[in-house]
N, C-alpha and C. Protein backbone atom coordinates (compact mmCIF):
# COMPACT_ATOMS: atom_id res chain seq x y z
N UNK A 1 99.49 115.28 131.81
CA UNK A 1 99.28 116.72 131.68
C UNK A 1 100.50 117.35 131.01
N UNK A 2 100.24 118.25 130.09
CA UNK A 2 101.33 118.91 129.38
C UNK A 2 101.99 119.97 130.25
N UNK A 3 103.29 120.08 130.11
CA UNK A 3 104.03 121.12 130.80
C UNK A 3 104.21 122.29 129.84
N UNK A 4 104.57 123.46 130.35
CA UNK A 4 104.83 124.59 129.45
C UNK A 4 105.88 124.26 128.39
N UNK A 5 106.88 123.46 128.76
CA UNK A 5 107.90 123.08 127.79
C UNK A 5 107.27 122.29 126.66
N UNK A 6 106.37 121.35 126.99
CA UNK A 6 105.70 120.56 125.95
C UNK A 6 104.88 121.45 125.02
N UNK A 7 104.24 122.47 125.58
CA UNK A 7 103.35 123.31 124.78
C UNK A 7 104.11 124.29 123.90
N UNK A 8 105.23 124.82 124.39
CA UNK A 8 105.93 125.86 123.65
C UNK A 8 107.09 125.35 122.80
N UNK A 9 107.54 124.14 123.03
CA UNK A 9 108.68 123.61 122.26
C UNK A 9 108.42 123.64 120.76
N UNK A 10 107.25 123.19 120.28
CA UNK A 10 107.05 123.24 118.82
C UNK A 10 107.07 124.66 118.26
N UNK A 11 106.54 125.61 119.01
CA UNK A 11 106.53 127.00 118.53
C UNK A 11 107.94 127.55 118.45
N UNK A 12 108.78 127.24 119.45
CA UNK A 12 110.17 127.69 119.41
C UNK A 12 110.91 127.06 118.24
N UNK A 13 110.67 125.77 118.01
CA UNK A 13 111.34 125.11 116.89
C UNK A 13 110.90 125.67 115.55
N UNK A 14 109.62 125.96 115.40
CA UNK A 14 109.14 126.54 114.14
C UNK A 14 109.73 127.92 113.91
N UNK A 15 109.79 128.73 114.96
CA UNK A 15 110.41 130.05 114.82
C UNK A 15 111.88 129.91 114.46
N UNK A 16 112.55 128.95 115.10
CA UNK A 16 113.95 128.68 114.82
C UNK A 16 114.12 128.30 113.35
N UNK A 17 113.30 127.38 112.85
CA UNK A 17 113.40 126.93 111.45
C UNK A 17 113.11 128.08 110.50
N UNK A 18 112.11 128.88 110.81
CA UNK A 18 111.76 130.02 109.94
C UNK A 18 112.92 131.01 109.89
N UNK A 19 113.48 131.35 111.04
CA UNK A 19 114.58 132.30 111.08
C UNK A 19 115.79 131.78 110.32
N UNK A 20 116.08 130.50 110.45
CA UNK A 20 117.22 129.92 109.74
C UNK A 20 116.98 129.94 108.23
N UNK A 21 115.77 129.60 107.82
CA UNK A 21 115.45 129.59 106.38
C UNK A 21 115.55 131.00 105.81
N UNK A 22 115.08 131.99 106.56
CA UNK A 22 115.12 133.37 106.08
C UNK A 22 116.53 133.93 106.04
N UNK A 23 117.36 133.49 106.97
CA UNK A 23 118.71 134.03 107.04
C UNK A 23 119.72 133.26 106.21
N UNK A 24 119.27 132.15 105.60
CA UNK A 24 120.22 131.32 104.85
C UNK A 24 121.23 130.68 105.78
N UNK A 25 120.78 130.35 106.99
CA UNK A 25 121.67 129.83 108.02
C UNK A 25 122.17 128.43 107.75
N UNK A 26 122.85 127.89 108.71
CA UNK A 26 123.46 126.57 108.62
C UNK A 26 122.44 125.51 109.02
N UNK A 27 121.45 125.27 108.18
CA UNK A 27 120.36 124.37 108.54
C UNK A 27 120.83 122.97 108.92
N UNK A 28 121.76 122.41 108.18
CA UNK A 28 122.20 121.06 108.45
C UNK A 28 122.97 120.99 109.75
N UNK A 29 123.82 121.97 110.03
CA UNK A 29 124.52 122.00 111.32
C UNK A 29 123.53 122.08 112.45
N UNK A 30 122.47 122.86 112.26
CA UNK A 30 121.45 122.99 113.29
C UNK A 30 120.70 121.67 113.49
N UNK A 31 120.41 120.97 112.39
CA UNK A 31 119.75 119.67 112.52
C UNK A 31 120.63 118.69 113.28
N UNK A 32 121.90 118.68 112.95
CA UNK A 32 122.82 117.77 113.65
C UNK A 32 122.80 118.05 115.16
N UNK A 33 122.82 119.31 115.52
CA UNK A 33 122.81 119.67 116.94
C UNK A 33 121.49 119.26 117.59
N UNK A 34 120.37 119.53 116.92
CA UNK A 34 119.06 119.18 117.50
C UNK A 34 118.91 117.68 117.68
N UNK A 35 119.33 116.90 116.71
CA UNK A 35 119.16 115.46 116.81
C UNK A 35 120.20 114.82 117.73
N UNK A 36 121.34 115.46 117.92
CA UNK A 36 122.36 114.94 118.83
C UNK A 36 121.89 115.07 120.27
N UNK A 37 121.30 116.21 120.60
CA UNK A 37 120.79 116.45 121.95
C UNK A 37 119.42 117.11 121.85
N UNK A 38 118.36 116.29 121.62
CA UNK A 38 117.04 116.88 121.40
C UNK A 38 116.44 117.58 122.61
N UNK A 39 116.98 117.32 123.81
CA UNK A 39 116.46 118.02 125.00
C UNK A 39 114.96 117.85 125.11
N UNK A 40 114.23 118.98 125.20
CA UNK A 40 112.77 118.88 125.41
C UNK A 40 112.00 118.55 124.13
N UNK A 41 112.69 118.44 123.01
CA UNK A 41 112.00 118.26 121.74
C UNK A 41 111.74 116.79 121.45
N UNK A 42 110.48 116.48 121.28
CA UNK A 42 110.06 115.10 120.98
C UNK A 42 110.18 114.87 119.47
N UNK A 43 110.12 113.60 119.05
CA UNK A 43 110.18 113.32 117.61
C UNK A 43 109.13 114.07 116.79
N UNK A 44 107.94 114.28 117.34
CA UNK A 44 106.93 115.01 116.56
C UNK A 44 107.33 116.47 116.37
N UNK A 45 108.04 117.06 117.32
CA UNK A 45 108.54 118.42 117.15
C UNK A 45 109.64 118.45 116.09
N UNK A 46 110.56 117.49 116.19
CA UNK A 46 111.69 117.45 115.27
C UNK A 46 111.24 117.14 113.84
N UNK A 47 110.15 116.41 113.68
CA UNK A 47 109.62 116.11 112.34
C UNK A 47 109.25 117.39 111.61
N UNK A 48 108.71 118.35 112.33
CA UNK A 48 108.31 119.63 111.72
C UNK A 48 109.55 120.36 111.19
N UNK A 49 110.57 120.45 112.01
CA UNK A 49 111.79 121.16 111.62
C UNK A 49 112.50 120.41 110.50
N UNK A 50 112.57 119.09 110.59
CA UNK A 50 113.21 118.30 109.55
C UNK A 50 112.49 118.51 108.22
N UNK A 51 111.17 118.48 108.23
CA UNK A 51 110.39 118.66 107.00
C UNK A 51 110.61 120.04 106.39
N UNK A 52 110.58 121.06 107.23
CA UNK A 52 110.78 122.42 106.73
C UNK A 52 112.19 122.60 106.17
N UNK A 53 113.17 122.02 106.84
CA UNK A 53 114.54 122.14 106.37
C UNK A 53 114.70 121.43 105.03
N UNK A 54 114.17 120.22 104.93
CA UNK A 54 114.24 119.48 103.66
C UNK A 54 113.60 120.29 102.55
N UNK A 55 112.39 120.80 102.79
CA UNK A 55 111.66 121.54 101.75
C UNK A 55 112.40 122.82 101.35
N UNK A 56 112.95 123.53 102.32
CA UNK A 56 113.65 124.78 101.97
C UNK A 56 114.93 124.50 101.22
N UNK A 57 115.61 123.41 101.55
CA UNK A 57 116.85 123.08 100.86
C UNK A 57 116.58 122.63 99.43
N UNK A 58 115.52 121.85 99.22
CA UNK A 58 115.29 121.32 97.88
C UNK A 58 114.97 122.42 96.88
N UNK A 59 114.68 123.61 97.34
CA UNK A 59 114.48 124.74 96.42
C UNK A 59 115.79 125.26 95.86
N UNK A 60 116.88 125.04 96.59
CA UNK A 60 118.15 125.69 96.25
C UNK A 60 119.30 124.74 95.92
N UNK A 61 119.32 123.60 96.56
CA UNK A 61 120.47 122.72 96.43
C UNK A 61 120.03 121.28 96.74
N UNK A 62 120.61 120.30 96.07
CA UNK A 62 120.26 118.91 96.40
C UNK A 62 120.68 118.59 97.84
N UNK A 63 119.75 118.16 98.69
CA UNK A 63 120.09 117.90 100.09
C UNK A 63 121.25 116.92 100.29
N UNK A 64 121.39 115.94 99.40
CA UNK A 64 122.47 114.96 99.57
C UNK A 64 123.84 115.53 99.26
N UNK A 65 123.91 116.76 98.75
CA UNK A 65 125.21 117.40 98.56
C UNK A 65 125.61 118.21 99.79
N UNK A 66 124.67 118.40 100.71
CA UNK A 66 124.91 119.21 101.90
C UNK A 66 125.15 118.33 103.13
N UNK A 67 124.46 117.21 103.19
CA UNK A 67 124.65 116.26 104.30
C UNK A 67 124.66 114.86 103.70
N UNK A 68 125.34 113.97 104.36
CA UNK A 68 125.44 112.59 103.87
C UNK A 68 124.07 111.92 103.89
N UNK A 69 123.91 111.01 102.98
CA UNK A 69 122.68 110.21 102.91
C UNK A 69 122.39 109.57 104.27
N UNK A 70 123.44 109.07 104.93
CA UNK A 70 123.26 108.42 106.23
C UNK A 70 122.75 109.40 107.29
N UNK A 71 123.17 110.66 107.22
CA UNK A 71 122.64 111.68 108.15
C UNK A 71 121.14 111.85 107.95
N UNK A 72 120.75 112.12 106.68
CA UNK A 72 119.33 112.32 106.40
C UNK A 72 118.50 111.12 106.83
N UNK A 73 118.98 109.92 106.49
CA UNK A 73 118.22 108.72 106.85
C UNK A 73 118.12 108.56 108.36
N UNK A 74 119.17 108.86 109.07
CA UNK A 74 119.11 108.78 110.53
C UNK A 74 118.05 109.72 111.10
N UNK A 75 117.98 110.93 110.57
CA UNK A 75 116.99 111.89 111.06
C UNK A 75 115.57 111.44 110.71
N UNK A 76 115.37 110.99 109.45
CA UNK A 76 114.03 110.54 109.06
C UNK A 76 113.62 109.33 109.89
N UNK A 77 114.52 108.40 110.13
CA UNK A 77 114.18 107.21 110.93
C UNK A 77 113.84 107.59 112.36
N UNK A 78 114.56 108.55 112.91
CA UNK A 78 114.32 108.95 114.29
C UNK A 78 112.89 109.47 114.48
N UNK A 79 112.40 110.23 113.52
CA UNK A 79 111.05 110.80 113.67
C UNK A 79 109.97 109.82 113.21
N UNK A 80 110.37 108.66 112.70
CA UNK A 80 109.49 107.59 112.24
C UNK A 80 108.90 107.94 110.89
N UNK A 81 107.62 108.16 110.74
CA UNK A 81 107.05 108.47 109.44
C UNK A 81 106.42 109.85 109.48
N UNK A 82 106.73 110.65 108.46
CA UNK A 82 106.22 112.03 108.38
C UNK A 82 105.23 112.11 107.22
N UNK A 83 104.10 112.70 107.49
CA UNK A 83 103.08 112.92 106.46
C UNK A 83 102.77 114.42 106.44
N UNK A 84 103.07 115.04 105.31
CA UNK A 84 102.81 116.48 105.11
C UNK A 84 103.43 117.35 106.20
N UNK A 85 104.61 116.97 106.65
CA UNK A 85 105.35 117.80 107.59
C UNK A 85 105.14 117.45 109.05
N UNK A 86 104.27 116.50 109.34
CA UNK A 86 104.00 116.13 110.73
C UNK A 86 104.27 114.64 110.93
N UNK A 87 104.67 114.30 112.13
CA UNK A 87 104.94 112.90 112.46
C UNK A 87 103.61 112.15 112.60
N UNK A 88 103.35 111.24 111.67
CA UNK A 88 102.11 110.46 111.68
C UNK A 88 102.47 109.03 111.25
N UNK A 89 103.01 108.23 112.17
CA UNK A 89 103.40 106.87 111.79
C UNK A 89 102.28 106.04 111.17
N UNK A 90 101.05 106.27 111.57
CA UNK A 90 99.93 105.50 111.03
C UNK A 90 99.63 105.83 109.57
N UNK A 91 100.22 106.90 109.03
CA UNK A 91 99.99 107.28 107.63
C UNK A 91 100.94 106.56 106.66
N UNK A 92 101.87 105.79 107.20
CA UNK A 92 102.78 105.05 106.32
C UNK A 92 101.96 104.09 105.46
N UNK A 93 102.19 104.09 104.15
CA UNK A 93 101.46 103.14 103.30
C UNK A 93 101.67 101.71 103.80
N UNK A 94 100.69 100.88 103.57
CA UNK A 94 100.76 99.49 104.05
C UNK A 94 101.07 98.50 102.93
N UNK A 95 101.10 98.98 101.70
CA UNK A 95 101.44 98.13 100.56
C UNK A 95 102.55 98.81 99.76
N UNK A 96 103.30 98.04 99.00
CA UNK A 96 104.35 98.65 98.16
C UNK A 96 103.76 99.60 97.13
N UNK A 97 104.55 100.59 96.76
CA UNK A 97 104.16 101.56 95.73
C UNK A 97 105.21 101.57 94.63
N UNK A 98 104.76 101.70 93.39
CA UNK A 98 105.67 101.90 92.26
C UNK A 98 105.94 103.40 92.20
N UNK A 99 107.19 103.80 92.43
CA UNK A 99 107.55 105.21 92.42
C UNK A 99 108.68 105.44 91.42
N UNK A 100 108.94 106.73 91.14
CA UNK A 100 109.88 107.12 90.09
C UNK A 100 110.76 108.26 90.58
N UNK A 101 111.94 108.37 89.95
CA UNK A 101 112.80 109.51 90.24
C UNK A 101 113.68 109.79 89.03
N UNK A 102 114.06 111.04 88.90
CA UNK A 102 115.07 111.43 87.92
C UNK A 102 116.36 111.58 88.72
N UNK A 103 117.44 111.09 88.16
CA UNK A 103 118.69 111.16 88.91
C UNK A 103 119.89 111.24 87.98
N UNK A 104 120.89 111.96 88.46
CA UNK A 104 122.18 112.02 87.79
C UNK A 104 123.02 110.84 88.26
N UNK A 105 124.05 110.54 87.49
CA UNK A 105 124.98 109.49 87.90
C UNK A 105 125.46 109.78 89.32
N UNK A 106 125.51 108.75 90.14
CA UNK A 106 125.96 108.92 91.51
C UNK A 106 124.84 109.21 92.49
N UNK A 107 123.63 109.51 92.00
CA UNK A 107 122.51 109.82 92.88
C UNK A 107 121.30 108.93 92.59
N UNK A 108 121.53 107.79 91.97
CA UNK A 108 120.45 106.87 91.63
C UNK A 108 119.68 106.47 92.88
N UNK A 109 120.37 106.26 93.99
CA UNK A 109 119.72 105.84 95.22
C UNK A 109 119.42 107.02 96.14
N UNK A 110 119.13 108.17 95.55
CA UNK A 110 118.73 109.33 96.34
C UNK A 110 117.43 109.07 97.08
N UNK A 111 117.03 110.01 97.88
CA UNK A 111 115.89 109.78 98.77
C UNK A 111 114.55 110.24 98.22
N UNK A 112 114.51 111.12 97.25
CA UNK A 112 113.25 111.70 96.75
C UNK A 112 112.68 110.87 95.61
N UNK A 113 111.42 110.48 95.76
CA UNK A 113 110.70 109.69 94.77
C UNK A 113 109.33 110.32 94.56
N UNK A 114 108.75 110.12 93.39
CA UNK A 114 107.43 110.66 93.12
C UNK A 114 106.55 109.60 92.45
N UNK A 115 105.30 109.94 92.21
CA UNK A 115 104.30 108.94 91.86
C UNK A 115 104.15 108.63 90.37
N UNK A 116 104.66 109.47 89.49
CA UNK A 116 104.50 109.20 88.05
C UNK A 116 105.79 109.53 87.30
N UNK A 117 105.99 108.89 86.16
CA UNK A 117 107.16 109.24 85.34
C UNK A 117 107.14 110.70 84.91
N UNK A 118 105.94 111.24 84.60
CA UNK A 118 105.87 112.65 84.18
C UNK A 118 106.35 113.59 85.27
N UNK A 119 105.98 113.33 86.50
CA UNK A 119 106.45 114.18 87.60
C UNK A 119 107.96 114.04 87.77
N UNK A 120 108.47 112.84 87.64
CA UNK A 120 109.92 112.63 87.76
C UNK A 120 110.67 113.36 86.65
N UNK A 121 110.10 113.38 85.46
CA UNK A 121 110.74 114.06 84.32
C UNK A 121 110.98 115.54 84.60
N UNK A 122 110.12 116.14 85.40
CA UNK A 122 110.28 117.57 85.70
C UNK A 122 111.60 117.86 86.38
N UNK A 123 112.21 116.84 86.97
CA UNK A 123 113.47 117.06 87.69
C UNK A 123 114.70 116.81 86.83
N UNK A 124 114.51 116.33 85.61
CA UNK A 124 115.66 116.18 84.72
C UNK A 124 116.16 117.59 84.38
N UNK A 125 117.40 117.85 84.70
CA UNK A 125 117.98 119.16 84.46
C UNK A 125 117.71 120.18 85.56
N UNK A 126 116.92 119.81 86.58
CA UNK A 126 116.58 120.77 87.64
C UNK A 126 117.81 121.29 88.36
N UNK A 127 118.77 120.43 88.61
CA UNK A 127 119.97 120.85 89.33
C UNK A 127 121.09 121.23 88.37
N UNK A 128 120.74 121.64 87.16
CA UNK A 128 121.76 122.07 86.21
C UNK A 128 122.15 120.95 85.26
N UNK A 129 123.20 121.16 84.57
CA UNK A 129 123.76 120.21 83.61
C UNK A 129 122.79 119.91 82.47
N UNK A 130 121.71 120.65 82.32
CA UNK A 130 120.76 120.47 81.21
C UNK A 130 120.34 119.02 81.03
N UNK A 131 120.30 118.26 82.08
CA UNK A 131 119.87 116.87 82.00
C UNK A 131 120.96 115.90 81.61
N UNK A 132 122.18 116.41 81.36
CA UNK A 132 123.28 115.52 80.95
C UNK A 132 123.56 114.50 82.06
N UNK A 133 123.64 113.24 81.68
CA UNK A 133 123.95 112.19 82.66
C UNK A 133 122.78 111.81 83.54
N UNK A 134 121.58 112.31 83.23
CA UNK A 134 120.42 112.00 84.04
C UNK A 134 119.46 111.10 83.27
N UNK A 135 118.69 110.36 84.02
CA UNK A 135 117.65 109.53 83.43
C UNK A 135 116.60 109.22 84.48
N UNK A 136 115.54 108.55 84.06
CA UNK A 136 114.47 108.16 84.98
C UNK A 136 114.72 106.76 85.52
N UNK A 137 114.34 106.59 86.79
CA UNK A 137 114.46 105.28 87.44
C UNK A 137 113.13 104.97 88.10
N UNK A 138 112.92 103.70 88.39
CA UNK A 138 111.70 103.28 89.07
C UNK A 138 112.04 102.17 90.06
N UNK A 139 111.15 101.98 91.02
CA UNK A 139 111.30 100.90 91.99
C UNK A 139 109.94 100.60 92.60
N UNK A 140 109.76 99.35 92.96
CA UNK A 140 108.61 98.92 93.75
C UNK A 140 109.06 99.10 95.20
N UNK A 141 108.53 100.12 95.85
CA UNK A 141 109.07 100.53 97.16
C UNK A 141 108.21 99.96 98.29
N UNK A 142 108.87 99.21 99.14
CA UNK A 142 108.19 98.58 100.27
C UNK A 142 107.90 99.61 101.36
N UNK A 143 106.82 99.41 102.11
CA UNK A 143 106.45 100.38 103.16
C UNK A 143 107.57 100.69 104.15
N UNK A 144 108.36 99.70 104.53
CA UNK A 144 109.41 99.94 105.52
C UNK A 144 110.54 100.79 104.97
N UNK A 145 110.60 101.00 103.67
CA UNK A 145 111.61 101.87 103.07
C UNK A 145 111.14 103.33 103.03
N UNK A 146 109.86 103.57 103.31
CA UNK A 146 109.28 104.92 103.21
C UNK A 146 109.40 105.64 104.56
N UNK A 147 109.87 106.89 104.49
CA UNK A 147 110.05 107.67 105.72
C UNK A 147 109.21 108.94 105.77
N UNK A 148 108.76 109.41 104.61
CA UNK A 148 107.94 110.62 104.58
C UNK A 148 107.13 110.65 103.29
N UNK A 149 106.01 111.34 103.37
CA UNK A 149 105.16 111.56 102.18
C UNK A 149 104.63 112.99 102.27
N UNK A 150 104.96 113.77 101.25
CA UNK A 150 104.45 115.14 101.13
C UNK A 150 103.51 115.17 99.94
N UNK A 151 102.27 115.55 100.19
CA UNK A 151 101.33 115.66 99.09
C UNK A 151 101.60 116.92 98.30
N UNK A 152 101.07 116.95 97.09
CA UNK A 152 101.26 118.09 96.21
C UNK A 152 100.81 119.38 96.90
N UNK A 153 101.61 120.41 96.76
CA UNK A 153 101.36 121.76 97.26
C UNK A 153 101.43 121.91 98.77
N UNK A 154 101.70 120.84 99.50
CA UNK A 154 101.85 120.99 100.94
C UNK A 154 103.20 121.60 101.27
N UNK A 155 104.23 121.06 100.66
CA UNK A 155 105.57 121.61 100.78
C UNK A 155 105.93 122.04 99.37
N UNK A 156 106.97 122.81 99.20
CA UNK A 156 107.33 123.23 97.86
C UNK A 156 107.93 122.09 97.06
N UNK A 157 107.97 120.94 97.51
CA UNK A 157 108.74 119.88 96.88
C UNK A 157 108.29 119.55 95.46
N UNK A 158 107.23 120.16 94.95
CA UNK A 158 106.76 119.82 93.63
C UNK A 158 105.85 118.62 93.66
N UNK A 159 105.69 118.04 94.79
CA UNK A 159 104.91 116.89 95.19
C UNK A 159 104.14 116.20 94.11
N UNK A 160 103.55 115.09 94.43
CA UNK A 160 103.80 114.42 95.70
C UNK A 160 105.23 113.87 95.76
N UNK A 161 105.78 113.91 96.93
CA UNK A 161 107.15 113.43 97.13
C UNK A 161 107.15 112.42 98.27
N UNK A 162 107.88 111.34 98.06
CA UNK A 162 108.13 110.36 99.11
C UNK A 162 109.62 110.38 99.40
N UNK A 163 109.97 110.32 100.68
CA UNK A 163 111.36 110.19 101.09
C UNK A 163 111.54 108.71 101.41
N UNK A 164 112.42 108.05 100.65
CA UNK A 164 112.55 106.59 100.76
C UNK A 164 114.01 106.17 100.77
N UNK A 165 114.29 105.11 101.50
CA UNK A 165 115.60 104.47 101.52
C UNK A 165 115.48 103.19 100.70
N UNK A 166 115.76 103.30 99.42
CA UNK A 166 115.58 102.18 98.51
C UNK A 166 116.94 101.55 98.21
N UNK A 167 117.07 100.25 98.43
CA UNK A 167 118.34 99.61 98.10
C UNK A 167 118.62 99.68 96.59
N UNK A 168 119.86 99.87 96.24
CA UNK A 168 120.23 99.94 94.82
C UNK A 168 119.73 98.74 94.04
N UNK A 169 119.71 97.59 94.68
CA UNK A 169 119.28 96.37 93.99
C UNK A 169 117.81 96.41 93.59
N UNK A 170 117.01 97.28 94.19
CA UNK A 170 115.58 97.38 93.87
C UNK A 170 115.29 98.43 92.81
N UNK A 171 116.30 99.23 92.45
CA UNK A 171 116.11 100.34 91.50
C UNK A 171 116.47 99.88 90.10
N UNK A 172 115.59 100.22 89.16
CA UNK A 172 115.88 99.86 87.77
C UNK A 172 115.63 101.06 86.87
N UNK A 173 116.34 101.13 85.76
CA UNK A 173 116.10 102.22 84.81
C UNK A 173 114.67 102.13 84.29
N UNK A 174 114.07 103.27 84.08
CA UNK A 174 112.73 103.32 83.48
C UNK A 174 112.94 103.54 81.99
N UNK A 175 112.46 102.65 81.20
CA UNK A 175 112.80 102.64 79.77
C UNK A 175 112.20 103.78 78.97
N UNK A 176 111.12 104.38 79.46
CA UNK A 176 110.46 105.43 78.68
C UNK A 176 111.15 106.78 78.96
N UNK A 177 112.26 107.01 78.29
CA UNK A 177 113.02 108.25 78.51
C UNK A 177 112.90 109.14 77.30
């Protein structure tokens, strides 16, 4: 049987995430605090806040410049697999996918991947520098490397977007640049 805490925790977290996004608050500091001591919040509750924080940040700043890659990966792993903002471990793909990303030097092993080279191209120059030092990359991504999947138009991510922990050794330049 659900307790009042179980029923209202997701609503409090969503209000918290909304207020932080609207106020330009310290989203990453808040995530660190929530994941350090989740209290009444279950992984499915935290998945909602993590997804909203990721989506709101990707509109303004590359998330890996705000928190370490290891922080983001720890949070995504904790909630297991997220599909369209909700924790749905059974939605994790069961076969490898060929995915693509645009990246600047130093961010080749970033976490955001998409399904086609054309979609990846949209991100060349997105974070400034007019595309200087950026190129397209591809990888055959195994299911265990995938932590989230946002379909197009579900989050502002420009979707579809996959959050993946891909080893550098699996990433290769995509020749069609």
